[in-house]
PDB file of N, CA and C in Angstrom:
ATOM      1  N   MET A   1      47.376 -93.128  36.423  1.00  0.00           N
ATOM      2  CA  MET A   1      46.756 -94.415  36.096  1.00  0.00           C
ATOM      3  C   MET A   1      46.652 -95.654  36.869  1.00  0.00           C
ATOM      4  N   THR A   2      47.568 -95.774  37.499  1.00  0.00           N
ATOM      5  CA  THR A   2      47.529 -96.985  38.608  1.00  0.00           C
ATOM      6  C   THR A   2      46.235 -96.707  39.599  1.00  0.00           C
ATOM      7  N   ALA A   3      46.472 -95.194  39.582  1.00  0.00           N
ATOM      8  CA  ALA A   3      45.320 -94.982  40.975  1.00  0.00           C
ATOM      9  C   ALA A   3      43.850 -95.116  40.469  1.00  0.00           C
ATOM     10  N   ASN A   4      43.564 -95.082  39.463  1.00  0.00           N
ATOM     11  CA  ASN A   4      42.375 -95.343  38.706  1.00  0.00           C
ATOM     12  C   ASN A   4      42.416 -96.658  38.677  1.00  0.00           C
ATOM     13  N   LEU A   5      42.865 -97.704  38.506  1.00  0.00           N
ATOM     14  CA  LEU A   5      42.894 -99.444  38.555  1.00  0.00           C
ATOM     15  C   LEU A   5      42.540 -99.939  39.951  1.00  0.00           C
ATOM     16  N   GLU A   6      43.289 -98.886  40.622  1.00  0.00           N
ATOM     17  CA  GLU A   6      42.885 -99.501  42.309  1.00  0.00           C
ATOM     18  C   GLU A   6      41.520 -99.106  42.538  1.00  0.00           C
ATOM     19  N   GLU A   7      41.422 -97.853  42.007  1.00  0.00           N
ATOM     20  CA  GLU A   7      39.923 -97.433  42.404  1.00  0.00           C
ATOM     21  C   GLU A   7      38.919 -98.422  42.022  1.00  0.00           C
ATOM     22  N   GLN A   8      39.317 -98.812  40.463  1.00  0.00           N
ATOM     23  CA  GLN A   8      38.082 -99.764  40.163  1.00  0.00           C
ATOM     24  C   GLN A   8      38.164-101.393  40.677  1.00  0.00           C
ATOM     25  N   LYS A   9      39.169-101.690  41.115  1.00  0.00           N
ATOM     26  CA  LYS A   9      38.990-103.095  41.700  1.00  0.00           C
ATOM     27  C   LYS A   9      38.589-102.939  43.409  1.00  0.00           C
ATOM     28  N   LYS A  10      38.499-101.319  43.884  1.00  0.00           N
ATOM     29  CA  LYS A  10      37.721-101.463  45.154  1.00  0.00           C
ATOM     30  C   LYS A  10      36.469-100.929  44.828  1.00  0.00           C
ATOM     31  N   GLY A  11      35.874-101.038  43.390  1.00  0.00           N
ATOM     32  CA  GLY A  11      34.324-100.937  43.083  1.00  0.00           C
ATOM     33  C   GLY A  11      34.003 -99.345  42.876  1.00  0.00           C
ATOM     34  N   LYS A  12      34.823 -98.454  43.177  1.00  0.00           N
ATOM     35  CA  LYS A  12      34.539 -97.034  42.664  1.00  0.00           C
ATOM     36  C   LYS A  12      34.072 -97.030  41.218  1.00  0.00           C
ATOM     37  N   TYR A  13      33.551 -96.009  40.924  1.00  0.00           N
ATOM     38  CA  TYR A  13      33.432 -95.689  39.654  1.00  0.00           C
ATOM     39  C   TYR A  13      34.679 -94.649  39.143  1.00  0.00           C
ATOM     40  N   ILE A  14      34.969 -94.908  37.789  1.00  0.00           N
ATOM     41  CA  ILE A  14      35.860 -94.136  37.091  1.00  0.00           C
ATOM     42  C   ILE A  14      34.955 -93.204  35.819  1.00  0.00           C
ATOM     43  N   LEU A  15      35.445 -92.157  35.986  1.00  0.00           N
ATOM     44  CA  LEU A  15      35.236 -91.067  35.017  1.00  0.00           C
ATOM     45  C   LEU A  15      35.614 -91.449  33.527  1.00  0.00           C
ATOM     46  N   ILE A  16      34.356 -91.369  32.964  1.00  0.00           N
ATOM     47  CA  ILE A  16      34.860 -91.691  31.572  1.00  0.00           C
ATOM     48  C   ILE A  16      35.188 -90.493  30.681  1.00  0.00           C
ATOM     49  N   ARG A  17      36.665 -90.318  30.048  1.00  0.00           N
ATOM     50  CA  ARG A  17      36.843 -88.848  29.455  1.00  0.00           C
ATOM     51  C   ARG A  17      36.158 -88.669  27.891  1.00  0.00           C
ATOM     52  N   ASP A  18      35.906 -87.441  28.051  1.00  0.00           N
ATOM     53  CA  ASP A  18      35.896 -87.360  26.412  1.00  0.00           C
ATOM     54  C   ASP A  18      36.959 -87.720  25.148  1.00  0.00           C
ATOM     55  N   ARG A  19      36.273 -88.068  24.084  1.00  0.00           N
ATOM     56  CA  ARG A  19      37.309 -88.321  23.132  1.00  0.00           C
ATOM     57  C   ARG A  19      38.173 -87.331  22.573  1.00  0.00           C
ATOM     58  N   ASP A  20      37.609 -85.975  22.741  1.00  0.00           N
ATOM     59  CA  ASP A  20      38.426 -84.952  22.242  1.00  0.00           C
ATOM     60  C   ASP A  20      39.866 -84.176  23.097  1.00  0.00           C
ATOM     61  N   GLY A  21      39.771 -85.396  24.032  1.00  0.00           N
ATOM     62  CA  GLY A  21      40.975 -84.890  24.531  1.00  0.00           C
ATOM     63  C   GLY A  21      40.539 -83.817  25.868  1.00  0.00           C
ATOM     64  N   GLU A  22      39.340 -83.284  25.806  1.00  0.00           N
ATOM     65  CA  GLU A  22      39.126 -82.346  26.901  1.00  0.00           C
ATOM     66  C   GLU A  22      38.936 -83.026  28.647  1.00  0.00           C
ATOM     67  N   ASP A  23      39.396 -82.385  29.035  1.00  0.00           N
ATOM     68  CA  ASP A  23      39.547 -82.888  30.591  1.00  0.00           C
ATOM     69  C   ASP A  23      38.639 -82.540  31.337  1.00  0.00           C
ATOM     70  N   SER A  24      37.710 -82.331  30.973  1.00  0.00           N
ATOM     71  CA  SER A  24      35.889 -81.938  31.644  1.00  0.00           C
ATOM     72  C   SER A  24      36.070 -82.887  32.927  1.00  0.00           C
ATOM     73  N   GLU A  25      35.177 -82.374  33.717  1.00  0.00           N
ATOM     74  CA  GLU A  25      34.601 -83.454  34.895  1.00  0.00           C
ATOM     75  C   GLU A  25      33.574 -84.079  34.631  1.00  0.00           C
ATOM     76  N   LEU A  26      32.947 -83.492  33.999  1.00  0.00           N
ATOM     77  CA  LEU A  26      31.655 -84.355  33.504  1.00  0.00           C
ATOM     78  C   LEU A  26      31.419 -85.809  32.594  1.00  0.00           C
ATOM     79  N   GLY A  27      32.848 -85.779  32.113  1.00  0.00           N
ATOM     80  CA  GLY A  27      33.073 -86.881  30.972  1.00  0.00           C
ATOM     81  C   GLY A  27      32.159 -86.712  29.849  1.00  0.00           C
ATOM     82  N   LEU A  28      32.008 -88.003  28.994  1.00  0.00           N
ATOM     83  CA  LEU A  28      31.772 -88.361  27.603  1.00  0.00           C
ATOM     84  C   LEU A  28      30.229 -88.012  27.496  1.00  0.00           C
ATOM     85  N   PHE A  29      29.218 -88.158  28.261  1.00  0.00           N
ATOM     86  CA  PHE A  29      27.783 -88.129  28.321  1.00  0.00           C
ATOM     87  C   PHE A  29      27.433 -87.057  28.584  1.00  0.00           C
ATOM     88  N   TYR A  30      28.219 -86.201  29.029  1.00  0.00           N
ATOM     89  CA  TYR A  30      27.509 -84.937  29.537  1.00  0.00           C
ATOM     90  C   TYR A  30      26.631 -83.916  28.037  1.00  0.00           C
ATOM     91  N   LYS A  31      27.256 -84.043  27.138  1.00  0.00           N
ATOM     92  CA  LYS A  31      26.574 -83.878  25.621  1.00  0.00           C
ATOM     93  C   LYS A  31      25.032 -84.094  25.825  1.00  0.00           C
ATOM     94  N   PRO A  32      24.369 -83.287  25.187  1.00  0.00           N
ATOM     95  CA  PRO A  32      23.001 -83.436  24.857  1.00  0.00           C
ATOM     96  C   PRO A  32      22.605 -84.328  23.657  1.00  0.00           C
ATOM     97  N   LEU A  33      21.656 -85.361  23.893  1.00  0.00           N
ATOM     98  CA  LEU A  33      21.540 -85.984  22.816  1.00  0.00           C
ATOM     99  C   LEU A  33      20.905 -84.888  21.527  1.00  0.00           C
ATOM    100  N   PRO A  34      21.066 -85.207  20.314  1.00  0.00           N
ATOM    101  CA  PRO A  34      20.346 -84.681  19.165  1.00  0.00           C
ATOM    102  C   PRO A  34      18.852 -84.974  19.235  1.00  0.00           C
ATOM    103  N   CYS A  35      18.432 -84.366  18.296  1.00  0.00           N
ATOM    104  CA  CYS A  35      16.802 -84.259  17.919  1.00  0.00           C
ATOM    105  C   CYS A  35      16.096 -84.101  19.351  1.00  0.00           C
ATOM    106  N   PHE A  36      16.097 -82.506  19.770  1.00  0.00           N
ATOM    107  CA  PHE A  36      15.455 -82.024  20.908  1.00  0.00           C
ATOM    108  C   PHE A  36      15.751 -82.717  22.402  1.00  0.00           C
ATOM    109  N   GLY A  37      17.018 -83.268  22.484  1.00  0.00           N
ATOM    110  CA  GLY A  37      17.396 -84.247  23.440  1.00  0.00           C
ATOM    111  C   GLY A  37      16.938 -85.455  23.531  1.00  0.00           C
ATOM    112  N   CYS A  38      16.299 -85.899  22.943  1.00  0.00           N
ATOM    113  CA  CYS A  38      15.592 -87.441  23.270  1.00  0.00           C
ATOM    114  C   CYS A  38      16.142 -88.346  22.451  1.00  0.00           C
ATOM    115  N   GLY A  39      17.275 -88.089  21.759  1.00  0.00           N
ATOM    116  CA  GLY A  39      17.986 -88.923  20.887  1.00  0.00           C
ATOM    117  C   GLY A  39      17.489 -89.104  19.759  1.00  0.00           C
ATOM    118  N   ILE A  40      17.989 -89.735  18.690  1.00  0.00           N
ATOM    119  CA  ILE A  40      17.940 -89.797  17.275  1.00  0.00           C
ATOM    120  C   ILE A  40      16.857 -91.101  17.430  1.00  0.00           C
ATOM    121  N   GLY A  41      16.954 -92.403  18.311  1.00  0.00           N
ATOM    122  CA  GLY A  41      16.031 -93.687  17.887  1.00  0.00           C
ATOM    123  C   GLY A  41      14.650 -93.478  18.864  1.00  0.00           C
ATOM    124  N   TRP A  42      14.648 -92.542  19.962  1.00  0.00           N
ATOM    125  CA  TRP A  42      13.396 -92.149  20.577  1.00  0.00           C
ATOM    126  C   TRP A  42      12.393 -90.996  19.778  1.00  0.00           C
ATOM    127  N   PHE A  43      13.117 -90.071  18.713  1.00  0.00           N
ATOM    128  CA  PHE A  43      12.602 -89.118  17.827  1.00  0.00           C
ATOM    129  C   PHE A  43      12.118 -90.141  17.042  1.00  0.00           C
ATOM    130  N   SER A  44      13.121 -91.154  16.264  1.00  0.00           N
ATOM    131  CA  SER A  44      12.374 -91.886  15.238  1.00  0.00           C
ATOM    132  C   SER A  44      11.196 -92.695  15.668  1.00  0.00           C
ATOM    133  N   PHE A  45      11.095 -93.247  17.343  1.00  0.00           N
ATOM    134  CA  PHE A  45       9.964 -93.752  17.014  1.00  0.00           C
ATOM    135  C   PHE A  45       8.844 -93.274  17.119  1.00  0.00           C
ATOM    136  N   LEU A  46       8.815 -91.699  17.929  1.00  0.00           N
ATOM    137  CA  LEU A  46       7.647 -91.176  18.060  1.00  0.00           C
ATOM    138  C   LEU A  46       6.966 -90.553  16.759  1.00  0.00           C
ATOM    139  N   LEU A  47       8.427 -90.340  15.683  1.00  0.00           N
ATOM    140  CA  LEU A  47       7.797 -89.734  14.289  1.00  0.00           C
ATOM    141  C   LEU A  47       7.340 -90.989  13.380  1.00  0.00           C
ATOM    142  N   GLY A  48       7.784 -92.196  13.560  1.00  0.00           N
ATOM    143  CA  GLY A  48       6.787 -93.196  13.228  1.00  0.00           C
ATOM    144  C   GLY A  48       5.708 -93.833  12.948  1.00  0.00           C
ATOM    145  N   PHE A  49       5.235 -92.974  14.082  1.00  0.00           N
ATOM    146  CA  PHE A  49       3.488 -93.357  14.354  1.00  0.00           C
ATOM    147  C   PHE A  49       2.866 -92.218  13.157  1.00  0.00           C
ATOM    148  N   VAL A  50       3.460 -91.307  12.368  1.00  0.00           N
ATOM    149  CA  VAL A  50       3.015 -90.546  11.394  1.00  0.00           C
ATOM    150  C   VAL A  50       3.794 -90.965  10.324  1.00  0.00           C
ATOM    151  N   PHE A  51       4.958 -91.174  10.110  1.00  0.00           N
ATOM    152  CA  PHE A  51       5.811 -91.817   8.876  1.00  0.00           C
ATOM    153  C   PHE A  51       6.318 -92.982   9.526  1.00  0.00           C
ATOM    154  N   PRO A  52       6.001 -94.042   9.306  1.00  0.00           N
ATOM    155  CA  PRO A  52       6.499 -95.194   9.716  1.00  0.00           C
ATOM    156  C   PRO A  52       8.067 -96.038   8.836  1.00  0.00           C
ATOM    157  N   LEU A  53       8.174 -94.980   7.986  1.00  0.00           N
ATOM    158  CA  LEU A  53       9.892 -95.364   7.505  1.00  0.00           C
ATOM    159  C   LEU A  53      11.071 -94.834   8.263  1.00  0.00           C
ATOM    160  N   ALA A  54      10.458 -93.886   9.073  1.00  0.00           N
ATOM    161  CA  ALA A  54      11.546 -93.728  10.356  1.00  0.00           C
ATOM    162  C   ALA A  54      11.943 -94.591  11.286  1.00  0.00           C
ATOM    163  N   TRP A  55      10.729 -95.447  11.407  1.00  0.00           N
ATOM    164  CA  TRP A  55      11.111 -96.812  12.227  1.00  0.00           C
ATOM    165  C   TRP A  55      12.409 -97.653  11.637  1.00  0.00           C
ATOM    166  N   TYR A  56      12.169 -97.839  10.018  1.00  0.00           N
ATOM    167  CA  TYR A  56      12.755 -98.582   9.349  1.00  0.00           C
ATOM    168  C   TYR A  56      14.402 -97.896   9.366  1.00  0.00           C
ATOM    169  N   ILE A  57      14.315 -96.660   9.174  1.00  0.00           N
ATOM    170  CA  ILE A  57      15.980 -95.798   9.136  1.00  0.00           C
ATOM    171  C   ILE A  57      16.576 -95.991  10.569  1.00  0.00           C
ATOM    172  N   ALA A  58      15.509 -96.193  11.722  1.00  0.00           N
ATOM    173  CA  ALA A  58      16.310 -96.081  13.055  1.00  0.00           C
ATOM    174  C   ALA A  58      16.776 -97.756  12.861  1.00  0.00           C
ATOM    175  N   THR A  59      15.742 -98.609  12.603  1.00  0.00           N
ATOM    176  CA  THR A  59      16.158 -99.849  12.682  1.00  0.00           C
ATOM    177  C   THR A  59      17.483-100.222  11.779  1.00  0.00           C
ATOM    178  N   PHE A  60      17.736 -99.579  10.415  1.00  0.00           N
ATOM    179  CA  PHE A  60      19.014 -99.626  10.123  1.00  0.00           C
ATOM    180  C   PHE A  60      20.016 -99.193  10.721  1.00  0.00           C
ATOM    181  N   LEU A  61      19.825 -98.057  11.390  1.00  0.00           N
ATOM    182  CA  LEU A  61      20.722 -97.528  12.232  1.00  0.00           C
ATOM    183  C   LEU A  61      21.368 -98.464  13.601  1.00  0.00           C
ATOM    184  N   TYR A  62      20.293 -99.056  13.894  1.00  0.00           N
ATOM    185  CA  TYR A  62      20.526 -99.954  14.835  1.00  0.00           C
ATOM    186  C   TYR A  62      21.645-101.071  14.550  1.00  0.00           C
ATOM    187  N   LEU A  63      20.923-101.709  13.415  1.00  0.00           N
ATOM    188  CA  LEU A  63      21.580-103.088  12.972  1.00  0.00           C
ATOM    189  C   LEU A  63      23.311-102.697  12.545  1.00  0.00           C
ATOM    190  N   ILE A  64      23.408-101.148  12.264  1.00  0.00           N
ATOM    191  CA  ILE A  64      24.902-100.989  11.832  1.00  0.00           C
ATOM    192  C   ILE A  64      25.745-100.408  13.042  1.00  0.00           C
ATOM    193  N   ASN A  65      24.829-100.619  14.628  1.00  0.00           N
ATOM    194  CA  ASN A  65      25.599-100.307  15.635  1.00  0.00           C
ATOM    195  C   ASN A  65      26.044 -98.864  15.594  1.00  0.00           C
ATOM    196  N   TYR A  66      24.985 -98.357  15.544  1.00  0.00           N
ATOM    197  CA  TYR A  66      25.049 -96.664  15.532  1.00  0.00           C
ATOM    198  C   TYR A  66      25.335 -96.152  17.024  1.00  0.00           C
ATOM    199  N   TYR A  67      24.912 -97.049  17.951  1.00  0.00           N
ATOM    200  CA  TYR A  67      24.519 -97.090  19.274  1.00  0.00           C
ATOM    201  C   TYR A  67      26.121 -96.929  20.036  1.00  0.00           C
ATOM    202  N   ARG A  68      27.268 -97.562  19.350  1.00  0.00           N
ATOM    203  CA  ARG A  68      28.207 -97.437  19.958  1.00  0.00           C
ATOM    204  C   ARG A  68      29.101 -96.389  19.883  1.00  0.00           C
ATOM    205  N   ARG A  69      28.633 -95.488  19.200  1.00  0.00           N
ATOM    206  CA  ARG A  69      28.725 -93.814  19.258  1.00  0.00           C
ATOM    207  C   ARG A  69      28.595 -93.320  20.774  1.00  0.00           C
ATOM    208  N   ASP A  70      27.407 -93.701  21.028  1.00  0.00           N
ATOM    209  CA  ASP A  70      26.346 -93.248  22.152  1.00  0.00           C
ATOM    210  C   ASP A  70      25.891 -94.284  22.739  1.00  0.00           C
ATOM    211  N   PRO A  71      26.036 -94.574  23.765  1.00  0.00           N
ATOM    212  CA  PRO A  71      25.173 -95.916  24.201  1.00  0.00           C
ATOM    213  C   PRO A  71      23.644 -95.670  24.794  1.00  0.00           C
ATOM    214  N   ARG A  72      23.433 -94.206  25.004  1.00  0.00           N
ATOM    215  CA  ARG A  72      22.227 -93.968  25.341  1.00  0.00           C
ATOM    216  C   ARG A  72      21.249 -93.822  24.179  1.00  0.00           C
ATOM    217  N   GLU A  73      21.555 -94.093  22.740  1.00  0.00           N
ATOM    218  CA  GLU A  73      21.090 -94.347  21.909  1.00  0.00           C
ATOM    219  C   GLU A  73      20.320 -95.584  21.694  1.00  0.00           C
ATOM    220  N   ARG A  74      20.718 -96.344  22.381  1.00  0.00           N
ATOM    221  CA  ARG A  74      20.642 -97.954  21.969  1.00  0.00           C
ATOM    222  C   ARG A  74      18.952 -98.381  22.340  1.00  0.00           C
ATOM    223  N   SER A  75      18.145 -97.697  23.765  1.00  0.00           N
ATOM    224  CA  SER A  75      17.068 -98.236  23.922  1.00  0.00           C
ATOM    225  C   SER A  75      15.927 -97.687  22.610  1.00  0.00           C
ATOM    226  N   GLY A  76      16.260 -96.548  22.437  1.00  0.00           N
ATOM    227  CA  GLY A  76      15.681 -95.912  21.540  1.00  0.00           C
ATOM    228  C   GLY A  76      15.283 -96.478  20.134  1.00  0.00           C
ATOM    229  N   LEU A  77      16.290 -96.733  19.614  1.00  0.00           N
ATOM    230  CA  LEU A  77      16.853 -97.246  18.296  1.00  0.00           C
ATOM    231  C   LEU A  77      16.330 -98.919  18.378  1.00  0.00           C
ATOM    232  N   ALA A  78      16.248 -99.671  19.117  1.00  0.00           N
ATOM    233  CA  ALA A  78      16.135-101.077  19.429  1.00  0.00           C
ATOM    234  C   ALA A  78      14.355-100.857  19.688  1.00  0.00           C
ATOM    235  N   ALA A  79      13.972 -99.809  20.322  1.00  0.00           N
ATOM    236  CA  ALA A  79      12.430 -99.852  20.627  1.00  0.00           C
ATOM    237  C   ALA A  79      11.846 -99.358  19.031  1.00  0.00           C
ATOM    238  N   SER A  80      12.401 -98.478  18.237  1.00  0.00           N
ATOM    239  CA  SER A  80      12.014 -98.385  16.971  1.00  0.00           C
ATOM    240  C   SER A  80      12.215 -99.709  16.071  1.00  0.00           C
ATOM    241  N   ALA A  81      13.044-100.611  16.120  1.00  0.00           N
ATOM    242  CA  ALA A  81      13.149-101.768  15.326  1.00  0.00           C
ATOM    243  C   ALA A  81      11.953-102.490  15.888  1.00  0.00           C
ATOM    244  N   ILE A  82      11.715-102.568  16.979  1.00  0.00           N
ATOM    245  CA  ILE A  82      10.354-103.412  17.574  1.00  0.00           C
ATOM    246  C   ILE A  82       9.364-102.638  16.862  1.00  0.00           C
ATOM    247  N   ALA A  83       9.166-101.769  16.965  1.00  0.00           N
ATOM    248  CA  ALA A  83       7.787-101.003  16.266  1.00  0.00           C
ATOM    249  C   ALA A  83       7.959-101.443  14.511  1.00  0.00           C
ATOM    250  N   ALA A  84       8.908-101.276  14.076  1.00  0.00           N
ATOM    251  CA  ALA A  84       9.108-101.654  12.853  1.00  0.00           C
ATOM    252  C   ALA A  84       8.765-103.114  12.342  1.00  0.00           C
ATOM    253  N   LEU A  85       8.999-104.073  13.369  1.00  0.00           N
ATOM    254  CA  LEU A  85       9.000-105.255  12.865  1.00  0.00           C
ATOM    255  C   LEU A  85       7.330-105.670  13.150  1.00  0.00           C
ATOM    256  N   ILE A  86       6.844-105.214  13.994  1.00  0.00           N
ATOM    257  CA  ILE A  86       5.446-105.093  14.597  1.00  0.00           C
ATOM    258  C   ILE A  86       4.789-104.859  13.304  1.00  0.00           C
ATOM    259  N   PHE A  87       5.169-103.402  13.047  1.00  0.00           N
ATOM    260  CA  PHE A  87       3.999-102.892  11.435  1.00  0.00           C
ATOM    261  C   PHE A  87       4.387-103.681  10.394  1.00  0.00           C
ATOM    262  N   SER A  88       5.405-104.176  10.263  1.00  0.00           N
ATOM    263  CA  SER A  88       5.546-104.927   9.181  1.00  0.00           C
ATOM    264  C   SER A  88       4.406-106.598   8.943  1.00  0.00           C
ATOM    265  N   VAL A  89       4.628-106.838  10.210  1.00  0.00           N
ATOM    266  CA  VAL A  89       3.720-108.128  10.341  1.00  0.00           C
ATOM    267  C   VAL A  89       2.085-107.871  10.403  1.00  0.00           C
ATOM    268  N   ALA A  90       1.902-106.382  10.847  1.00  0.00           N
ATOM    269  CA  ALA A  90       0.513-106.350  10.661  1.00  0.00           C
ATOM    270  C   ALA A  90       0.122-105.662   9.305  1.00  0.00           C
ATOM    271  N   LEU A  91       1.201-105.248   8.563  1.00  0.00           N
ATOM    272  CA  LEU A  91       1.067-104.907   7.037  1.00  0.00           C
ATOM    273  C   LEU A  91       0.687-106.103   6.364  1.00  0.00           C
ATOM    274  N   VAL A  92       1.393-107.028   6.325  1.00  0.00           N
ATOM    275  CA  VAL A  92       1.669-108.376   5.821  1.00  0.00           C
ATOM    276  C   VAL A  92       0.273-108.938   6.057  1.00  0.00           C
ATOM    277  N   ILE A  93      -0.226-109.133   7.604  1.00  0.00           N
ATOM    278  CA  ILE A  93      -1.326-109.789   7.607  1.00  0.00           C
ATOM    279  C   ILE A  93      -2.582-109.224   6.750  1.00  0.00           C
ATOM    280  N   THR A  94      -2.706-107.931   7.183  1.00  0.00           N
ATOM    281  CA  THR A  94      -3.505-106.863   6.482  1.00  0.00           C
ATOM    282  C   THR A  94      -3.605-106.970   4.891  1.00  0.00           C
ATOM    283  N   VAL A  95      -2.734-107.124   4.277  1.00  0.00           N
ATOM    284  CA  VAL A  95      -2.542-107.400   2.752  1.00  0.00           C
ATOM    285  C   VAL A  95      -3.249-108.647   2.765  1.00  0.00           C
ATOM    286  N   LEU A  96      -2.857-109.703   3.329  1.00  0.00           N
ATOM    287  CA  LEU A  96      -3.289-111.536   2.918  1.00  0.00           C
ATOM    288  C   LEU A  96      -4.406-111.265   3.480  1.00  0.00           C
ATOM    289  N   VAL A  97      -5.143-110.652   4.521  1.00  0.00           N
ATOM    290  CA  VAL A  97      -6.569-110.875   4.280  1.00  0.00           C
ATOM    291  C   VAL A  97      -7.244-110.078   3.363  1.00  0.00           C
ATOM    292  N   LEU A  98      -6.904-108.828   2.758  1.00  0.00           N
ATOM    293  CA  LEU A  98      -7.542-107.771   1.718  1.00  0.00           C
ATOM    294  C   LEU A  98      -7.386-109.125   0.150  1.00  0.00           C
ATOM    295  N   VAL A  99      -6.223-109.477   0.452  1.00  0.00           N
ATOM    296  CA  VAL A  99      -6.130-110.271  -1.134  1.00  0.00           C
ATOM    297  C   VAL A  99      -7.257-111.353  -0.783  1.00  0.00           C
ATOM    298  N   PHE A 100      -7.047-112.357   0.016  1.00  0.00           N
ATOM    299  CA  PHE A 100      -7.658-113.312   0.120  1.00  0.00           C
ATOM    300  C   PHE A 100      -9.708-113.440   0.663  1.00  0.00           C
ATOM    301  N   SER A 101      -9.648-112.354   1.292  1.00  0.00           N
ATOM    302  CA  SER A 101     -11.216-112.092   1.302  1.00  0.00           C
ATOM    303  C   SER A 101     -12.629-112.116   0.032  1.00  0.00           C
ATOM    304  N   GLY A 102     -11.511-111.973  -1.166  1.00  0.00           N
ATOM    305  CA  GLY A 102     -12.611-111.947  -2.139  1.00  0.00           C
ATOM    306  C   GLY A 102     -12.666-110.676  -2.783  1.00  0.00           C
ATOM    307  N   ARG A 103     -12.360-109.675  -2.380  1.00  0.00           N
ATOM    308  CA  ARG A 103     -12.647-108.548  -2.638  1.00  0.00           C
ATOM    309  C   ARG A 103     -11.926-107.844  -4.300  1.00  0.00           C
TER     310      ARG A 103
END
């Protein structure tokens, strides 16, 4: 343990161990991401262009800090949250234009 602290102070990288107690040399993030290897966030981002509800589900996961289980998910979940925001604003503007255009 003290050797790891000394290496950390020297600026060397420390291997992050798996939660299961496995002593693998590859560390915690060797396991592939779910959803075809691209992660839930990016999969939801891509799926959201067909089913926008996927963006809102990913936004909910982002807001409840789902990415703490695996930090590699954070960027995809954030992208889905931004896409959900843009979609919501566009939807509100479209509805307001249709309502007030006199149709």
